[in-house]
PDB file of N, CA and C in Angstrom:
ATOM      1  N   UNK A   1      87.233  79.686  99.663  1.00  0.00           N
ATOM      2  CA  UNK A   1      86.326  80.453  98.842  1.00  0.00           C
ATOM      3  C   UNK A   1      86.715  81.938  98.921  1.00  0.00           C
ATOM      4  N   UNK A   2      86.514  82.639  97.828  1.00  0.00           N
ATOM      5  CA  UNK A   2      86.892  84.051  97.788  1.00  0.00           C
ATOM      6  C   UNK A   2      85.694  84.916  97.437  1.00  0.00           C
ATOM      7  N   UNK A   3      85.800  86.173  97.795  1.00  0.00           N
ATOM      8  CA  UNK A   3      84.799  87.159  97.395  1.00  0.00           C
ATOM      9  C   UNK A   3      85.201  87.703  96.029  1.00  0.00           C
ATOM     10  N   UNK A   4      84.234  87.989  95.221  1.00  0.00           N
ATOM     11  CA  UNK A   4      84.511  88.630  93.951  1.00  0.00           C
ATOM     12  C   UNK A   4      84.499  90.129  94.188  1.00  0.00           C
ATOM     13  N   UNK A   5      85.685  90.731  94.291  1.00  0.00           N
ATOM     14  CA  UNK A   5      85.734  92.164  94.580  1.00  0.00           C
ATOM     15  C   UNK A   5      85.649  92.985  93.306  1.00  0.00           C
ATOM     16  N   UNK A   6      85.719  92.321  92.183  1.00  0.00           N
ATOM     17  CA  UNK A   6      85.504  92.929  90.878  1.00  0.00           C
ATOM     18  C   UNK A   6      86.218  94.255  90.665  1.00  0.00           C
ATOM     19  N   UNK A   7      87.497  94.262  90.958  1.00  0.00           N
ATOM     20  CA  UNK A   7      88.340  95.344  90.476  1.00  0.00           C
ATOM     21  C   UNK A   7      88.774  94.856  89.102  1.00  0.00           C
ATOM     22  N   UNK A   8      88.576  95.644  88.083  1.00  0.00           N
ATOM     23  CA  UNK A   8      88.974  95.229  86.744  1.00  0.00           C
ATOM     24  C   UNK A   8      90.016  96.192  86.202  1.00  0.00           C
ATOM     25  N   UNK A   9      91.012  95.623  85.540  1.00  0.00           N
ATOM     26  CA  UNK A   9      91.999  96.426  84.816  1.00  0.00           C
ATOM     27  C   UNK A   9      91.867  96.067  83.346  1.00  0.00           C
ATOM     28  N   UNK A  10      91.694  97.076  82.528  1.00  0.00           N
ATOM     29  CA  UNK A  10      91.583  96.868  81.096  1.00  0.00           C
ATOM     30  C   UNK A  10      92.518  97.845  80.412  1.00  0.00           C
ATOM     31  N   UNK A  11      93.000  97.672  79.273  1.00  0.00           N
ATOM     32  CA  UNK A  11      92.883  96.491  78.426  1.00  0.00           C
ATOM     33  C   UNK A  11      93.833  95.396  78.880  1.00  0.00           C
ATOM     34  N   UNK A  12      94.018  94.397  78.020  1.00  0.00           N
ATOM     35  CA  UNK A  12      94.858  93.255  78.353  1.00  0.00           C
ATOM     36  C   UNK A  12      96.278  93.724  78.698  1.00  0.00           C
ATOM     37  N   UNK A  13      96.726  93.380  79.886  1.00  0.00           N
ATOM     38  CA  UNK A  13      98.058  93.731  80.372  1.00  0.00           C
ATOM     39  C   UNK A  13      98.799  92.423  80.628  1.00  0.00           C
ATOM     40  N   UNK A  14     100.034  92.278  80.139  1.00  0.00           N
ATOM     41  CA  UNK A  14     100.776  91.032  80.365  1.00  0.00           C
ATOM     42  C   UNK A  14     100.994  90.766  81.854  1.00  0.00           C
ATOM     43  N   UNK A  15     101.022  89.493  82.223  1.00  0.00           N
ATOM     44  CA  UNK A  15     101.174  89.093  83.622  1.00  0.00           C
ATOM     45  C   UNK A  15     102.441  89.666  84.240  1.00  0.00           C
ATOM     46  N   UNK A  16     103.547  89.650  83.524  1.00  0.00           N
ATOM     47  CA  UNK A  16     104.803  90.143  84.086  1.00  0.00           C
ATOM     48  C   UNK A  16     104.710  91.632  84.413  1.00  0.00           C
ATOM     49  N   UNK A  17     104.036  92.384  83.566  1.00  0.00           N
ATOM     50  CA  UNK A  17     103.860  93.812  83.811  1.00  0.00           C
ATOM     51  C   UNK A  17     102.946  94.041  85.018  1.00  0.00           C
ATOM     52  N   UNK A  18     101.872  93.271  85.122  1.00  0.00           N
ATOM     53  CA  UNK A  18     100.983  93.387  86.274  1.00  0.00           C
ATOM     54  C   UNK A  18     101.728  93.040  87.563  1.00  0.00           C
ATOM     55  N   UNK A  19     102.535  91.985  87.534  1.00  0.00           N
ATOM     56  CA  UNK A  19     103.288  91.588  88.728  1.00  0.00           C
ATOM     57  C   UNK A  19     104.243  92.693  89.171  1.00  0.00           C
ATOM     58  N   UNK A  20     104.942  93.297  88.253  1.00  0.00           N
ATOM     59  CA  UNK A  20     105.851  94.400  88.589  1.00  0.00           C
ATOM     60  C   UNK A  20     105.073  95.578  89.169  1.00  0.00           C
ATOM     61  N   UNK A  21     103.922  95.870  88.581  1.00  0.00           N
ATOM     62  CA  UNK A  21     103.071  96.955  89.063  1.00  0.00           C
ATOM     63  C   UNK A  21     102.601  96.683  90.490  1.00  0.00           C
ATOM     64  N   UNK A  22     102.133  95.449  90.755  1.00  0.00           N
ATOM     65  CA  UNK A  22     101.654  95.095  92.089  1.00  0.00           C
ATOM     66  C   UNK A  22     102.764  95.225  93.128  1.00  0.00           C
ATOM     67  N   UNK A  23     103.954  94.775  92.789  1.00  0.00           N
ATOM     68  CA  UNK A  23     105.091  94.909  93.709  1.00  0.00           C
ATOM     69  C   UNK A  23     105.376  96.385  93.977  1.00  0.00           C
ATOM     70  N   UNK A  24     105.232  97.209  92.958  1.00  0.00           N
ATOM     71  CA  UNK A  24     105.501  98.637  93.078  1.00  0.00           C
ATOM     72  C   UNK A  24     104.516  99.386  93.968  1.00  0.00           C
ATOM     73  N   UNK A  25     103.308  98.837  94.147  1.00  0.00           N
ATOM     74  CA  UNK A  25     102.336  99.496  95.026  1.00  0.00           C
ATOM     75  C   UNK A  25     102.272  98.835  96.401  1.00  0.00           C
ATOM     76  N   UNK A  26     103.258  97.986  96.699  1.00  0.00           N
ATOM     77  CA  UNK A  26     103.366  97.429  98.039  1.00  0.00           C
ATOM     78  C   UNK A  26     102.827  96.031  98.241  1.00  0.00           C
ATOM     79  N   UNK A  27     102.461  95.349  97.178  1.00  0.00           N
ATOM     80  CA  UNK A  27     101.991  93.967  97.319  1.00  0.00           C
ATOM     81  C   UNK A  27     103.194  93.047  97.524  1.00  0.00           C
ATOM     82  N   UNK A  28     102.963  91.960  98.246  1.00  0.00           N
ATOM     83  CA  UNK A  28     104.031  91.010  98.533  1.00  0.00           C
ATOM     84  C   UNK A  28     103.628  89.619  98.071  1.00  0.00           C
ATOM     85  N   UNK A  29     104.607  88.731  98.033  1.00  0.00           N
ATOM     86  CA  UNK A  29     104.389  87.326  97.641  1.00  0.00           C
ATOM     87  C   UNK A  29     103.628  87.236  96.320  1.00  0.00           C
ATOM     88  N   UNK A  30     104.073  87.996  95.334  1.00  0.00           N
ATOM     89  CA  UNK A  30     103.413  88.053  94.028  1.00  0.00           C
ATOM     90  C   UNK A  30     103.937  86.900  93.172  1.00  0.00           C
ATOM     91  N   UNK A  31     103.046  85.945  92.845  1.00  0.00           N
ATOM     92  CA  UNK A  31     103.431  84.754  92.086  1.00  0.00           C
ATOM     93  C   UNK A  31     102.399  84.426  91.021  1.00  0.00           C
ATOM     94  N   UNK A  32     102.876  83.981  89.875  1.00  0.00           N
ATOM     95  CA  UNK A  32     101.983  83.476  88.833  1.00  0.00           C
ATOM     96  C   UNK A  32     101.733  82.009  89.117  1.00  0.00           C
ATOM     97  N   UNK A  33     100.472  81.623  89.242  1.00  0.00           N
ATOM     98  CA  UNK A  33     100.158  80.223  89.514  1.00  0.00           C
ATOM     99  C   UNK A  33      99.683  79.485  88.267  1.00  0.00           C
ATOM    100  N   UNK A  34      99.085  80.195  87.334  1.00  0.00           N
ATOM    101  CA  UNK A  34      98.665  79.624  86.046  1.00  0.00           C
ATOM    102  C   UNK A  34      98.963  80.663  84.985  1.00  0.00           C
ATOM    103  N   UNK A  35      99.565  80.228  83.878  1.00  0.00           N
ATOM    104  CA  UNK A  35      99.839  81.165  82.795  1.00  0.00           C
ATOM    105  C   UNK A  35      99.736  80.424  81.472  1.00  0.00           C
ATOM    106  N   UNK A  36      98.554  80.470  80.888  1.00  0.00           N
ATOM    107  CA  UNK A  36      98.325  79.818  79.599  1.00  0.00           C
ATOM    108  C   UNK A  36      97.818  80.860  78.603  1.00  0.00           C
ATOM    109  N   UNK A  37      97.611  80.436  77.385  1.00  0.00           N
ATOM    110  CA  UNK A  37      97.084  81.361  76.376  1.00  0.00           C
ATOM    111  C   UNK A  37      95.656  81.782  76.708  1.00  0.00           C
ATOM    112  N   UNK A  38      94.913  80.936  77.425  1.00  0.00           N
ATOM    113  CA  UNK A  38      93.508  81.217  77.705  1.00  0.00           C
ATOM    114  C   UNK A  38      93.279  81.983  79.000  1.00  0.00           C
ATOM    115  N   UNK A  39      94.160  81.768  79.981  1.00  0.00           N
ATOM    116  CA  UNK A  39      93.964  82.447  81.259  1.00  0.00           C
ATOM    117  C   UNK A  39      95.258  82.521  82.058  1.00  0.00           C
ATOM    118  N   UNK A  40      95.276  83.467  82.992  1.00  0.00           N
ATOM    119  CA  UNK A  40      96.408  83.647  83.889  1.00  0.00           C
ATOM    120  C   UNK A  40      95.880  83.945  85.279  1.00  0.00           C
ATOM    121  N   UNK A  41      96.524  83.351  86.292  1.00  0.00           N
ATOM    122  CA  UNK A  41      96.214  83.631  87.695  1.00  0.00           C
ATOM    123  C   UNK A  41      97.473  84.151  88.365  1.00  0.00           C
ATOM    124  N   UNK A  42      97.356  85.255  89.094  1.00  0.00           N
ATOM    125  CA  UNK A  42      98.457  85.800  89.877  1.00  0.00           C
ATOM    126  C   UNK A  42      97.971  85.915  91.318  1.00  0.00           C
ATOM    127  N   UNK A  43      98.698  85.276  92.237  1.00  0.00           N
ATOM    128  CA  UNK A  43      98.384  85.365  93.663  1.00  0.00           C
ATOM    129  C   UNK A  43      99.279  86.406  94.297  1.00  0.00           C
ATOM    130  N   UNK A  44      98.741  87.155  95.270  1.00  0.00           N
ATOM    131  CA  UNK A  44      99.560  88.127  95.977  1.00  0.00           C
ATOM    132  C   UNK A  44      98.931  88.460  97.325  1.00  0.00           C
ATOM    133  N   UNK A  45      99.727  89.114  98.149  1.00  0.00           N
ATOM    134  CA  UNK A  45      99.276  89.541  99.468  1.00  0.00           C
ATOM    135  C   UNK A  45      99.346  91.061  99.532  1.00  0.00           C
ATOM    136  N   UNK A  46      98.305  91.660 100.117  1.00  0.00           N
ATOM    137  CA  UNK A  46      98.279  93.107 100.295  1.00  0.00           C
ATOM    138  C   UNK A  46      97.815  93.397 101.713  1.00  0.00           C
ATOM    139  N   UNK A  47      98.678  94.031 102.480  1.00  0.00           N
ATOM    140  CA  UNK A  47      98.392  94.392 103.868  1.00  0.00           C
ATOM    141  C   UNK A  47      97.850  93.204 104.668  1.00  0.00           C
ATOM    142  N   UNK A  48      98.469  92.037 104.462  1.00  0.00           N
ATOM    143  CA  UNK A  48      98.124  90.846 105.237  1.00  0.00           C
ATOM    144  C   UNK A  48      96.975  90.016 104.694  1.00  0.00           C
ATOM    145  N   UNK A  49      96.315  90.450 103.644  1.00  0.00           N
ATOM    146  CA  UNK A  49      95.212  89.684 103.054  1.00  0.00           C
ATOM    147  C   UNK A  49      95.637  89.081 101.722  1.00  0.00           C
ATOM    148  N   UNK A  50      95.082  87.917 101.437  1.00  0.00           N
ATOM    149  CA  UNK A  50      95.395  87.227 100.187  1.00  0.00           C
ATOM    150  C   UNK A  50      94.427  87.645  99.088  1.00  0.00           C
ATOM    151  N   UNK A  51      94.987  87.855  97.910  1.00  0.00           N
ATOM    152  CA  UNK A  51      94.213  88.218  96.721  1.00  0.00           C
ATOM    153  C   UNK A  51      94.642  87.336  95.561  1.00  0.00           C
ATOM    154  N   UNK A  52      93.764  87.220  94.577  1.00  0.00           N
ATOM    155  CA  UNK A  52      94.068  86.552  93.312  1.00  0.00           C
ATOM    156  C   UNK A  52      93.637  87.490  92.196  1.00  0.00           C
ATOM    157  N   UNK A  53      94.471  87.574  91.192  1.00  0.00           N
ATOM    158  CA  UNK A  53      94.115  88.308  89.981  1.00  0.00           C
ATOM    159  C   UNK A  53      93.961  87.277  88.865  1.00  0.00           C
ATOM    160  N   UNK A  54      92.874  87.358  88.129  1.00  0.00           N
ATOM    161  CA  UNK A  54      92.592  86.402  87.066  1.00  0.00           C
ATOM    162  C   UNK A  54      92.367  87.155  85.763  1.00  0.00           C
ATOM    163  N   UNK A  55      93.081  86.713  84.729  1.00  0.00           N
ATOM    164  CA  UNK A  55      92.879  87.300  83.403  1.00  0.00           C
ATOM    165  C   UNK A  55      92.349  86.230  82.476  1.00  0.00           C
ATOM    166  N   UNK A  56      91.243  86.556  81.842  1.00  0.00           N
ATOM    167  CA  UNK A  56      90.765  85.729  80.737  1.00  0.00           C
ATOM    168  C   UNK A  56      90.452  86.678  79.589  1.00  0.00           C
ATOM    169  N   UNK A  57      91.033  86.416  78.476  1.00  0.00           N
ATOM    170  CA  UNK A  57      90.862  87.238  77.290  1.00  0.00           C
ATOM    171  C   UNK A  57      91.381  88.661  77.501  1.00  0.00           C
ATOM    172  N   UNK A  58      90.544  89.626  77.839  1.00  0.00           N
ATOM    173  CA  UNK A  58      90.921  91.030  77.789  1.00  0.00           C
ATOM    174  C   UNK A  58      91.179  91.711  79.128  1.00  0.00           C
ATOM    175  N   UNK A  59      90.613  91.233  80.235  1.00  0.00           N
ATOM    176  CA  UNK A  59      90.687  92.014  81.460  1.00  0.00           C
ATOM    177  C   UNK A  59      91.152  91.186  82.654  1.00  0.00           C
ATOM    178  N   UNK A  60      91.669  91.885  83.625  1.00  0.00           N
ATOM    179  CA  UNK A  60      92.042  91.290  84.909  1.00  0.00           C
ATOM    180  C   UNK A  60      90.915  91.547  85.890  1.00  0.00           C
ATOM    181  N   UNK A  61      90.555  90.525  86.648  1.00  0.00           N
ATOM    182  CA  UNK A  61      89.605  90.675  87.744  1.00  0.00           C
ATOM    183  C   UNK A  61      90.306  90.234  89.020  1.00  0.00           C
ATOM    184  N   UNK A  62      90.073  90.957  90.084  1.00  0.00           N
ATOM    185  CA  UNK A  62      90.733  90.690  91.355  1.00  0.00           C
ATOM    186  C   UNK A  62      89.732  90.105  92.347  1.00  0.00           C
ATOM    187  N   UNK A  63      90.192  89.098  93.081  1.00  0.00           N
ATOM    188  CA  UNK A  63      89.369  88.415  94.059  1.00  0.00           C
ATOM    189  C   UNK A  63      90.072  88.464  95.408  1.00  0.00           C
ATOM    190  N   UNK A  64      89.305  88.726  96.457  1.00  0.00           N
ATOM    191  CA  UNK A  64      89.860  88.787  97.808  1.00  0.00           C
ATOM    192  C   UNK A  64      89.449  87.552  98.593  1.00  0.00           C
ATOM    193  N   UNK A  65      90.322  87.117  99.484  1.00  0.00           N
ATOM    194  CA  UNK A  65      90.005  86.030 100.386  1.00  0.00           C
ATOM    195  C   UNK A  65      88.823  86.441 101.268  1.00  0.00           C
ATOM    196  N   UNK A  66      88.024  85.472 101.693  1.00  0.00           N
ATOM    197  CA  UNK A  66      86.848  85.766 102.524  1.00  0.00           C
ATOM    198  C   UNK A  66      87.183  86.494 103.814  1.00  0.00           C
ATOM    199  N   UNK A  67      88.388  86.296 104.337  1.00  0.00           N
ATOM    200  CA  UNK A  67      88.768  86.943 105.593  1.00  0.00           C
ATOM    201  C   UNK A  67      89.167  88.406 105.402  1.00  0.00           C
ATOM    202  N   UNK A  68      89.248  88.847 104.185  1.00  0.00           N
ATOM    203  CA  UNK A  68      89.687  90.210 103.894  1.00  0.00           C
ATOM    204  C   UNK A  68      88.534  91.197 104.112  1.00  0.00           C
ATOM    205  N   UNK A  69      88.753  92.225 104.946  1.00  0.00           N
ATOM    206  CA  UNK A  69      87.684  93.202 105.158  1.00  0.00           C
ATOM    207  C   UNK A  69      87.407  94.025 103.902  1.00  0.00           C
ATOM    208  N   UNK A  70      86.140  94.361 103.663  1.00  0.00           N
ATOM    209  CA  UNK A  70      85.778  95.137 102.468  1.00  0.00           C
ATOM    210  C   UNK A  70      86.554  96.456 102.357  1.00  0.00           C
ATOM    211  N   UNK A  71      86.867  97.058 103.490  1.00  0.00           N
ATOM    212  CA  UNK A  71      87.594  98.325 103.463  1.00  0.00           C
ATOM    213  C   UNK A  71      88.972  98.148 102.829  1.00  0.00           C
ATOM    214  N   UNK A  72      89.595  96.997 103.061  1.00  0.00           N
ATOM    215  CA  UNK A  72      90.921  96.750 102.489  1.00  0.00           C
ATOM    216  C   UNK A  72      90.841  96.575 100.973  1.00  0.00           C
ATOM    217  N   UNK A  73      89.767  95.960 100.503  1.00  0.00           N
ATOM    218  CA  UNK A  73      89.556  95.834  99.058  1.00  0.00           C
ATOM    219  C   UNK A  73      89.455  97.233  98.446  1.00  0.00           C
ATOM    220  N   UNK A  74      88.748  98.119  99.135  1.00  0.00           N
ATOM    221  CA  UNK A  74      88.610  99.492  98.643  1.00  0.00           C
ATOM    222  C   UNK A  74      89.955 100.220  98.642  1.00  0.00           C
ATOM    223  N   UNK A  75      90.785  99.970  99.666  1.00  0.00           N
ATOM    224  CA  UNK A  75      92.120 100.581  99.720  1.00  0.00           C
ATOM    225  C   UNK A  75      92.957 100.107  98.536  1.00  0.00           C
ATOM    226  N   UNK A  76      92.922  98.795  98.265  1.00  0.00           N
ATOM    227  CA  UNK A  76      93.672  98.260  97.130  1.00  0.00           C
ATOM    228  C   UNK A  76      93.169  98.849  95.816  1.00  0.00           C
ATOM    229  N   UNK A  77      91.848  98.909  95.645  1.00  0.00           N
ATOM    230  CA  UNK A  77      91.277  99.469  94.412  1.00  0.00           C
ATOM    231  C   UNK A  77      91.715 100.912  94.223  1.00  0.00           C
ATOM    232  N   UNK A  78      91.717 101.683  95.300  1.00  0.00           N
ATOM    233  CA  UNK A  78      92.123 103.093  95.206  1.00  0.00           C
ATOM    234  C   UNK A  78      93.608 103.201  94.874  1.00  0.00           C
ATOM    235  N   UNK A  79      94.422 102.334  95.474  1.00  0.00           N
ATOM    236  CA  UNK A  79      95.861 102.335  95.184  1.00  0.00           C
ATOM    237  C   UNK A  79      96.122 102.011  93.716  1.00  0.00           C
ATOM    238  N   UNK A  80      95.407 101.024  93.195  1.00  0.00           N
ATOM    239  CA  UNK A  80      95.557 100.660  91.785  1.00  0.00           C
ATOM    240  C   UNK A  80      95.080 101.816  90.900  1.00  0.00           C
ATOM    241  N   UNK A  81      93.948 102.408  91.283  1.00  0.00           N
ATOM    242  CA  UNK A  81      93.362 103.477  90.464  1.00  0.00           C
ATOM    243  C   UNK A  81      94.254 104.710  90.400  1.00  0.00           C
ATOM    244  N   UNK A  82      94.898 105.062  91.503  1.00  0.00           N
ATOM    245  CA  UNK A  82      95.647 106.316  91.563  1.00  0.00           C
ATOM    246  C   UNK A  82      97.146 106.160  91.294  1.00  0.00           C
ATOM    247  N   UNK A  83      97.642 104.941  91.242  1.00  0.00           N
ATOM    248  CA  UNK A  83      99.071 104.729  91.007  1.00  0.00           C
ATOM    249  C   UNK A  83      99.440 105.078  89.571  1.00  0.00           C
ATOM    250  N   UNK A  84     100.687 105.463  89.401  1.00  0.00           N
ATOM    251  CA  UNK A  84     101.182 105.705  88.044  1.00  0.00           C
ATOM    252  C   UNK A  84     101.251 104.373  87.326  1.00  0.00           C
ATOM    253  N   UNK A  85     100.639 104.303  86.178  1.00  0.00           N
ATOM    254  CA  UNK A  85     100.569 103.043  85.433  1.00  0.00           C
ATOM    255  C   UNK A  85     101.773 102.911  84.509  1.00  0.00           C
ATOM    256  N   UNK A  86     102.341 101.707  84.419  1.00  0.00           N
ATOM    257  CA  UNK A  86     103.490 101.510  83.545  1.00  0.00           C
ATOM    258  C   UNK A  86     103.122 101.419  82.067  1.00  0.00           C
ATOM    259  N   UNK A  87     101.843 101.506  81.763  1.00  0.00           N
ATOM    260  CA  UNK A  87     101.395 101.359  80.384  1.00  0.00           C
ATOM    261  C   UNK A  87     100.245 102.337  80.150  1.00  0.00           C
ATOM    262  N   UNK A  88     100.303 103.108  79.102  1.00  0.00           N
ATOM    263  CA  UNK A  88      99.230 104.058  78.809  1.00  0.00           C
ATOM    264  C   UNK A  88      97.933 103.312  78.517  1.00  0.00           C
ATOM    265  N   UNK A  89      96.840 103.907  78.887  1.00  0.00           N
ATOM    266  CA  UNK A  89      95.546 103.342  78.544  1.00  0.00           C
ATOM    267  C   UNK A  89      94.943 102.427  79.584  1.00  0.00           C
ATOM    268  N   UNK A  90      95.614 102.220  80.716  1.00  0.00           N
ATOM    269  CA  UNK A  90      95.004 101.400  81.768  1.00  0.00           C
ATOM    270  C   UNK A  90      93.837 102.144  82.354  1.00  0.00           C
ATOM    271  N   UNK A  91      92.804 101.458  82.711  1.00  0.00           N
ATOM    272  CA  UNK A  91      91.780 102.051  83.544  1.00  0.00           C
ATOM    273  C   UNK A  91      91.255 100.982  84.482  1.00  0.00           C
ATOM    274  N   UNK A  92      90.719 101.430  85.598  1.00  0.00           N
ATOM    275  CA  UNK A  92      90.291 100.528  86.654  1.00  0.00           C
ATOM    276  C   UNK A  92      88.834 100.784  86.974  1.00  0.00           C
ATOM    277  N   UNK A  93      88.091  99.708  87.121  1.00  0.00           N
ATOM    278  CA  UNK A  93      86.695  99.796  87.500  1.00  0.00           C
ATOM    279  C   UNK A  93      86.534  99.015  88.797  1.00  0.00           C
ATOM    280  N   UNK A  94      85.972  99.622  89.814  1.00  0.00           N
ATOM    281  CA  UNK A  94      85.686  98.892  91.042  1.00  0.00           C
ATOM    282  C   UNK A  94      84.169  98.824  91.193  1.00  0.00           C
ATOM    283  N   UNK A  95      83.635  97.659  91.003  1.00  0.00           N
ATOM    284  CA  UNK A  95      82.181  97.491  91.000  1.00  0.00           C
ATOM    285  C   UNK A  95      81.630  97.071  92.357  1.00  0.00           C
ATOM    286  N   UNK A  96      82.493  96.944  93.354  1.00  0.00           N
ATOM    287  CA  UNK A  96      82.027  96.553  94.678  1.00  0.00           C
ATOM    288  C   UNK A  96      82.304  95.109  94.982  1.00  0.00           C
ATOM    289  N   UNK A  97      81.814  94.663  96.093  1.00  0.00           N
ATOM    290  CA  UNK A  97      82.086  93.310  96.565  1.00  0.00           C
ATOM    291  C   UNK A  97      80.811  92.500  96.505  1.00  0.00           C
ATOM    292  N   UNK A  98      80.912  91.291  95.980  1.00  0.00           N
ATOM    293  CA  UNK A  98      79.756  90.408  95.839  1.00  0.00           C
ATOM    294  C   UNK A  98      79.875  89.250  96.785  1.00  0.00           C
TER     295      UNK A  98
END
């Protein structure tokens, strides 16, 4: 089971571009596990914790493994928010952990 950390990236960004971006900010083991017209899942590791990114329709939402400390989710959100984006118009919303 995972926590919904609700980091969102909008607008729709292709999975390959997101994967390259994640690798560029230090994420490891970045793999696409599902890639269909309706949804995409990308699994990755950040500072020893497992995360999943899920895209349906327009936005990416990020989920952290239950063992991941909330502070690490905040570090990842800040890294995504402040990193140079490979595509104009990206914005990130971090709504907290549920």
